[in-house]
Protein backbone atom coordinates (compact mmCIF):
# COMPACT_ATOMS: atom_id res chain seq x y z
CA UNK A 1 3.27 -5.93 -16.13
CA UNK A 2 2.08 -2.47 -15.95
CA UNK A 3 3.26 -0.53 -13.12
CA UNK A 4 0.34 0.11 -10.50
CA UNK A 5 -0.33 3.83 -9.67
CA UNK A 6 -3.23 2.83 -7.34
CA UNK A 7 -2.08 2.05 -4.21
CA UNK A 8 0.80 5.11 -4.18
CA UNK A 9 3.29 2.91 -3.23
CA UNK A 10 7.26 3.74 -3.54
CA UNK A 11 9.33 2.77 -6.47
CA UNK A 12 11.09 0.72 -3.83
CA UNK A 13 7.41 -0.98 -2.53
CA UNK A 14 6.58 -1.40 -5.80
CA UNK A 15 9.43 -4.00 -6.76
CA UNK A 16 8.40 -5.68 -3.81
CA UNK A 17 5.05 -6.20 -4.31
CA UNK A 18 5.54 -7.03 -7.98
CA UNK A 19 8.62 -9.97 -6.70
CA UNK A 20 6.00 -11.42 -4.07
CA UNK A 21 2.24 -10.33 -5.15
CA UNK A 22 0.03 -12.73 -6.91
CA UNK A 23 -1.41 -9.15 -9.46
CA UNK A 24 -2.01 -5.77 -9.91
CA UNK A 25 -4.72 -4.67 -11.53
CA UNK A 26 -2.95 -2.79 -13.29
CA UNK A 27 -3.85 0.64 -15.89
CA UNK A 28 -6.66 2.92 -16.43
CA UNK A 29 -9.15 2.25 -12.68
CA UNK A 30 -12.25 1.44 -13.30
CA UNK A 31 -14.30 -0.04 -10.10
CA UNK A 32 -17.54 -1.60 -9.75
CA UNK A 33 -19.91 0.37 -7.81
CA UNK A 34 -21.75 -0.98 -4.91
CA UNK A 35 -25.60 -0.41 -4.63
CA UNK A 36 -27.21 -1.51 -1.40
CA UNK A 37 -28.13 -5.29 -1.28
CA UNK A 38 -30.49 -6.90 0.68
CA UNK A 39 -29.49 -10.72 1.35
CA UNK A 40 -25.62 -11.57 3.36
CA UNK A 41 -23.06 -13.64 2.09
CA UNK A 42 -22.48 -17.40 2.52
CA UNK A 43 -19.05 -16.66 1.02
CA UNK A 44 -16.23 -14.85 0.08
CA UNK A 45 -13.26 -14.94 -2.63
CA UNK A 46 -10.29 -12.00 -2.59
CA UNK A 47 -8.89 -11.92 -6.39
CA UNK A 48 -6.53 -9.61 -7.49
CA UNK A 49 -8.12 -6.50 -6.82
CA UNK A 50 -11.66 -7.42 -6.77
CA UNK A 51 -13.99 -9.40 -4.70
CA UNK A 52 -17.46 -11.42 -5.03
CA UNK A 53 -18.99 -12.69 -2.72
CA UNK A 54 -21.52 -15.40 -3.14
CA UNK A 55 -25.02 -13.55 -1.25
CA UNK A 56 -27.63 -16.05 0.13
CA UNK A 57 -30.32 -15.81 -2.25
CA UNK A 58 -27.19 -17.56 -4.59
CA UNK A 59 -26.55 -14.75 -6.47
CA UNK A 60 -23.44 -12.71 -6.84
CA UNK A 61 -22.41 -9.41 -5.78
CA UNK A 62 -18.52 -8.07 -6.91
CA UNK A 63 -16.93 -4.60 -6.74
CA UNK A 64 -13.31 -2.75 -6.90
CA UNK A 65 -11.49 -3.55 -9.95
CA UNK A 66 -13.07 -4.03 -13.21
CA UNK A 67 -11.46 -2.62 -16.33
CA UNK A 68 -12.11 -6.26 -17.46
CA UNK A 69 -15.20 -7.07 -16.55
CA UNK A 70 -13.69 -9.18 -13.57
CA UNK A 71 -16.19 -7.21 -10.51
CA UNK A 72 -19.76 -7.92 -13.12
CA UNK A 73 -21.13 -10.95 -12.62
CA UNK A 74 -24.26 -12.31 -14.49
CA UNK A 75 -27.48 -12.22 -13.11
CA UNK A 76 -27.52 -16.51 -12.73
CA UNK A 77 -27.82 -18.08 -9.62
CA UNK A 78 -24.51 -20.04 -8.14
CA UNK A 79 -23.30 -22.32 -5.68
CA UNK A 80 -20.08 -20.98 -5.29
CA UNK A 81 -17.20 -18.21 -6.43
CA UNK A 82 -13.23 -17.46 -6.63
CA UNK A 83 -11.88 -14.46 -7.77
CA UNK A 84 -8.85 -14.60 -9.91
CA UNK A 85 -6.41 -12.04 -10.80
CA UNK A 86 -8.12 -10.21 -13.53
CA UNK A 87 -10.95 -12.77 -13.87
CA UNK A 88 -13.49 -14.93 -12.50
CA UNK A 89 -15.67 -18.45 -12.56
CA UNK A 90 -18.34 -19.70 -10.29
CA UNK A 91 -20.12 -22.79 -10.67
CA UNK A 92 -23.99 -22.77 -10.84
CA UNK A 93 -26.43 -24.60 -9.31
CA UNK A 94 -26.51 -26.97 -12.78
CA UNK A 95 -22.98 -27.67 -11.85
CA UNK A 96 -22.25 -25.64 -15.51
CA UNK A 97 -19.51 -23.48 -15.07
CA UNK A 98 -19.21 -19.69 -16.14
CA UNK A 99 -16.80 -17.00 -16.22
CA UNK A 100 -16.25 -13.17 -16.74
CA UNK A 101 -13.23 -10.52 -16.95
CA UNK A 102 -9.76 -11.01 -18.93
CA UNK A 103 -9.80 -13.64 -21.04
CA UNK A 104 -5.81 -13.31 -22.47
CA UNK A 105 -5.08 -16.61 -22.49
CA UNK A 106 -8.46 -18.59 -22.36
CA UNK A 107 -8.72 -18.65 -18.37
CA UNK A 108 -12.23 -17.51 -18.55
CA UNK A 109 -13.44 -19.73 -21.12
CA UNK A 110 -14.03 -22.80 -19.52
CA UNK A 111 -14.91 -25.83 -20.44
CA UNK A 112 -19.30 -26.27 -21.60
CA UNK A 113 -19.50 -30.17 -21.85
CA UNK A 114 -19.08 -30.75 -18.07
CA UNK A 115 -20.49 -30.48 -14.64
CA UNK A 116 -18.53 -29.32 -11.62
CA UNK A 117 -18.26 -29.59 -8.12
CA UNK A 118 -16.17 -26.59 -7.29
CA UNK A 119 -13.41 -24.31 -9.69
CA UNK A 120 -11.14 -22.16 -8.32
CA UNK A 121 -9.78 -19.04 -10.28
CA UNK A 122 -5.64 -17.89 -10.32
CA UNK A 123 -3.01 -15.38 -11.93
CA UNK A 124 -4.01 -16.71 -15.90
CA UNK A 125 -5.07 -19.61 -15.82
CA UNK A 126 -8.25 -21.91 -14.10
CA UNK A 127 -8.64 -25.14 -12.49
CA UNK A 128 -11.91 -27.05 -10.90
CA UNK A 129 -13.25 -30.56 -9.66
CA UNK A 130 -15.44 -32.20 -11.81
CA UNK A 131 -18.63 -34.33 -10.67
CA UNK A 132 -16.23 -37.16 -11.41
CA UNK A 133 -14.12 -36.12 -8.86
CA UNK A 134 -11.20 -35.45 -12.04
CA UNK A 135 -8.97 -32.12 -12.61
CA UNK A 136 -10.00 -29.79 -15.25
CA UNK A 137 -8.01 -26.80 -15.66
CA UNK A 138 -7.35 -24.28 -18.56
CA UNK A 139 -5.84 -21.33 -19.34
CA UNK A 140 -2.10 -20.93 -19.57
CA UNK A 141 -0.35 -23.93 -19.25
CA UNK A 142 3.41 -22.86 -20.34
CA UNK A 143 4.64 -23.95 -16.57
CA UNK A 144 2.12 -26.96 -17.34
CA UNK A 145 -0.17 -25.01 -14.41
CA UNK A 146 -3.20 -26.25 -16.46
CA UNK A 147 -1.92 -29.96 -17.27
CA UNK A 148 -3.74 -32.09 -14.19
CA UNK A 149 -2.78 -35.15 -14.00
CA UNK A 150 -5.36 -38.15 -14.34
CA UNK A 151 -5.81 -38.52 -9.89
CA UNK A 152 -9.49 -38.41 -8.53
CA UNK A 153 -9.60 -34.99 -6.01
CA UNK A 154 -11.86 -33.56 -3.52
CA UNK A 155 -10.97 -30.11 -4.29
CA UNK A 156 -8.43 -28.21 -6.07
CA UNK A 157 -6.97 -24.83 -5.06
CA UNK A 158 -4.75 -22.87 -8.07
CA UNK A 159 -1.97 -20.14 -7.64
CA UNK A 160 -0.10 -17.91 -10.16
CA UNK A 161 1.62 -20.46 -11.70
CA UNK A 162 0.59 -23.95 -10.02
CA UNK A 163 -1.66 -25.89 -9.19
CA UNK A 164 -2.48 -28.35 -5.91
CA UNK A 165 -5.06 -30.24 -4.84
CA UNK A 166 -6.39 -33.03 -2.04
CA UNK A 167 -6.38 -36.04 -3.42
CA UNK A 168 -9.35 -38.87 -1.95
CA UNK A 169 -6.80 -40.15 -0.09
CA UNK A 170 -5.79 -37.22 2.10
CA UNK A 171 -2.73 -35.98 0.28
CA UNK A 172 -1.60 -33.24 -1.79
CA UNK A 173 -0.61 -33.44 -5.45
CA UNK A 174 0.60 -30.00 -6.70
CA UNK A 175 1.56 -29.38 -10.58
CA UNK A 176 2.65 -26.29 -12.41
CA UNK A 177 6.01 -23.67 -11.54
CA UNK A 178 8.11 -25.21 -8.79
CA UNK A 179 10.88 -22.70 -8.46
CA UNK A 180 10.49 -22.36 -4.67
CA UNK A 181 9.15 -24.75 -3.86
CA UNK A 182 5.68 -24.47 -3.91
CA UNK A 183 4.33 -27.74 -5.85
CA UNK A 184 6.21 -29.98 -3.76
CA UNK A 185 3.84 -30.88 -0.60
CA UNK A 186 5.37 -32.75 2.44
CA UNK A 187 3.75 -36.42 2.49
CA UNK A 188 0.63 -35.10 5.41
CA UNK A 189 -2.62 -35.89 5.36
CA UNK A 190 -4.57 -32.53 4.17
CA UNK A 191 -8.18 -31.43 4.89
CA UNK A 192 -7.14 -28.84 2.80
CA UNK A 193 -5.38 -27.01 0.72
CA UNK A 194 -4.99 -23.48 -1.21
CA UNK A 195 -2.62 -22.29 -3.39
CA UNK A 196 -0.92 -18.83 -3.13
CA UNK A 197 1.28 -16.89 -5.64
CA UNK A 198 4.73 -18.66 -4.84
CA UNK A 199 3.40 -20.29 -2.04
CA UNK A 200 0.91 -23.07 -0.30
CA UNK A 201 -0.91 -23.53 3.08
CA UNK A 202 -3.09 -26.64 3.91
CA UNK A 203 -5.15 -27.81 7.08
CA UNK A 204 -3.97 -31.03 7.90
CA UNK A 205 -5.98 -33.66 9.52
CA UNK A 206 -5.01 -32.78 12.51
CA UNK A 207 -6.08 -29.39 12.21
CA UNK A 208 -2.43 -27.75 11.96
CA UNK A 209 -1.46 -25.25 9.31
CA UNK A 210 1.00 -26.50 7.11
CA UNK A 211 2.70 -24.17 4.44
CA UNK A 212 5.75 -24.92 1.68
CA UNK A 213 7.24 -22.61 -1.22
CA UNK A 214 8.75 -19.09 -1.52
CA UNK A 215 9.19 -17.96 2.41
CA UNK A 216 10.76 -14.45 2.29
CA UNK A 217 8.27 -12.23 4.13
CA UNK A 218 7.27 -15.45 6.27
CA UNK A 219 3.72 -15.97 4.05
CA UNK A 220 5.19 -19.91 4.62
CA UNK A 221 5.65 -19.83 8.43
CA UNK A 222 2.38 -20.88 9.51
CA UNK A 223 1.84 -20.65 13.69
CA UNK A 224 2.86 -23.82 15.49
CA UNK A 225 0.55 -23.64 17.91
CA UNK A 226 -3.36 -22.88 17.15
CA UNK A 227 -5.73 -25.26 15.11
CA UNK A 228 -7.22 -24.19 12.29
CA UNK A 229 -10.73 -25.05 10.42
CA UNK A 230 -9.21 -24.05 7.15
CA UNK A 231 -6.94 -21.44 5.56
CA UNK A 232 -6.40 -19.68 2.33
CA UNK A 233 -2.78 -18.51 0.26
CA UNK A 234 -2.46 -14.99 -0.98
CA UNK A 235 -0.58 -13.03 -2.77
CA UNK A 236 2.22 -12.86 -0.36
CA UNK A 237 0.54 -13.21 2.60
CA UNK A 238 -2.01 -16.35 4.51
CA UNK A 239 -4.93 -15.89 6.46
CA UNK A 240 -6.86 -18.71 8.01
CA UNK A 241 -10.07 -19.48 10.69
CA UNK A 242 -9.01 -21.19 13.77
CA UNK A 243 -10.75 -23.21 15.04
CA UNK A 244 -12.50 -20.27 17.52
CA UNK A 245 -13.19 -19.35 14.78
CA UNK A 246 -10.68 -16.08 15.13
CA UNK A 247 -8.61 -15.00 12.42
CA UNK A 248 -5.39 -15.12 12.05
CA UNK A 249 -3.05 -14.59 9.16
CA UNK A 250 0.86 -13.81 8.59
CA UNK A 251 3.10 -12.76 5.62
CA UNK A 252 3.31 -9.33 4.08
CA UNK A 253 1.87 -6.78 5.24
CA UNK A 254 2.21 -3.69 3.93
CA UNK A 255 -1.00 -2.82 3.60
CA UNK A 256 -2.12 -4.45 6.73
CA UNK A 257 -3.65 -7.16 4.20
CA UNK A 258 -2.19 -9.91 7.00
CA UNK A 259 -3.42 -7.47 10.33
CA UNK A 260 -7.03 -9.42 10.68
CA UNK A 261 -9.81 -7.88 13.02
CA UNK A 262 -9.53 -9.53 16.37
CA UNK A 263 -13.35 -9.08 17.25
CA UNK A 264 -15.73 -10.64 14.64
CA UNK A 265 -15.61 -14.62 14.37
CA UNK A 266 -15.65 -15.86 10.89
CA UNK A 267 -16.66 -18.84 9.02
CA UNK A 268 -14.28 -18.20 5.95
CA UNK A 269 -11.41 -15.71 4.76
CA UNK A 270 -9.85 -15.56 1.34
CA UNK A 271 -6.77 -13.84 0.91
CA UNK A 272 -6.26 -12.18 -2.77
CA UNK A 273 -3.67 -10.29 -4.12
CA UNK A 274 -3.05 -8.11 -1.11
CA UNK A 275 -5.77 -7.81 0.20
CA UNK A 276 -8.26 -10.25 2.15
CA UNK A 277 -12.06 -10.54 3.21
CA UNK A 278 -14.37 -12.62 5.54
CA UNK A 279 -17.56 -13.96 6.54
CA UNK A 280 -18.93 -13.50 9.71
CA UNK A 281 -20.53 -15.79 11.15
CA UNK A 282 -23.70 -13.34 10.87
CA UNK A 283 -23.24 -13.39 7.86
CA UNK A 284 -21.18 -9.96 7.39
CA UNK A 285 -18.81 -9.39 4.95
CA UNK A 286 -15.26 -7.40 6.25
CA UNK A 287 -12.54 -6.65 4.57
CA UNK A 288 -9.40 -5.23 5.63
CA UNK A 289 -5.91 -4.67 3.58
CA UNK A 290 -4.83 -2.74 -0.17
CA UNK A 291 -7.90 -0.77 -1.01
CA UNK A 292 -7.03 1.42 -4.00
CA UNK A 293 -9.96 0.38 -6.19
CA UNK A 294 -12.17 -0.35 -3.45
CA UNK A 295 -11.56 -3.79 -3.27
CA UNK A 296 -12.54 -4.02 0.42
CA UNK A 297 -15.51 -0.93 0.32
CA UNK A 298 -18.22 -3.74 0.79
CA UNK A 299 -21.40 -3.45 -0.54
CA UNK A 300 -24.60 -2.44 2.23
CA UNK A 301 -26.15 -5.25 2.98
CA UNK A 302 -22.79 -7.42 2.79
């Protein structure tokens, strides 16, 4: 990995980030320009150093690091979008998958036959849930992260080199790299799970947040008190939306990526490599954290 200079961090800080973050987009600085928009957002996804939002008209808008075209979406209409390290994938209204950006390991080359309910983009691989509830993955498979089990899933989430999903019986199942226990979920029942760089978090059936895996900067130390609607595991931090719709984050905070705004209510949040974005109850997008590639500069209209 090249040394990233966009955030102007010290050598010591760069070492820490390289060891804990899911991705830092390196190379020549190419930023997708944010023109004015006329629609608010349904959802938002924070990637390595870019961000994508699904607008109310089902069109996509991405901004931030765009060296590989990961922030240059097609003009089609989508039902969901997931920003990865240096690529992005979305599920079109027809159920077809469309990916763009870096494709060095085939992570942006989805299968063309099956239709998908959802997809999740990671560092070098991507997974999705097909209409038959089977998981399908593609891209780098060195640790088995792109070789899902044959079980049925309600959702899947992709991290740096591991993947996790919630089965129909609400048990979590993970596969891939398990160096820090990130692919060894507890036996509890879950509403949802989110795979980060080397940790994983989920919302249990009782709405408590539970995390496992690498915890060197408290990214897997979920607060024990508040109930959560959802959680999102990023590079080395985690954010969630509490039952009162307030955002709550924990973990690495060197660029304030874990310093959630206290005021606005949120529908959802998405933790990226070193930044976080969320959709407010009004449909407005709010981002915070590292901004060396303009990944937190929300375009007008969103």
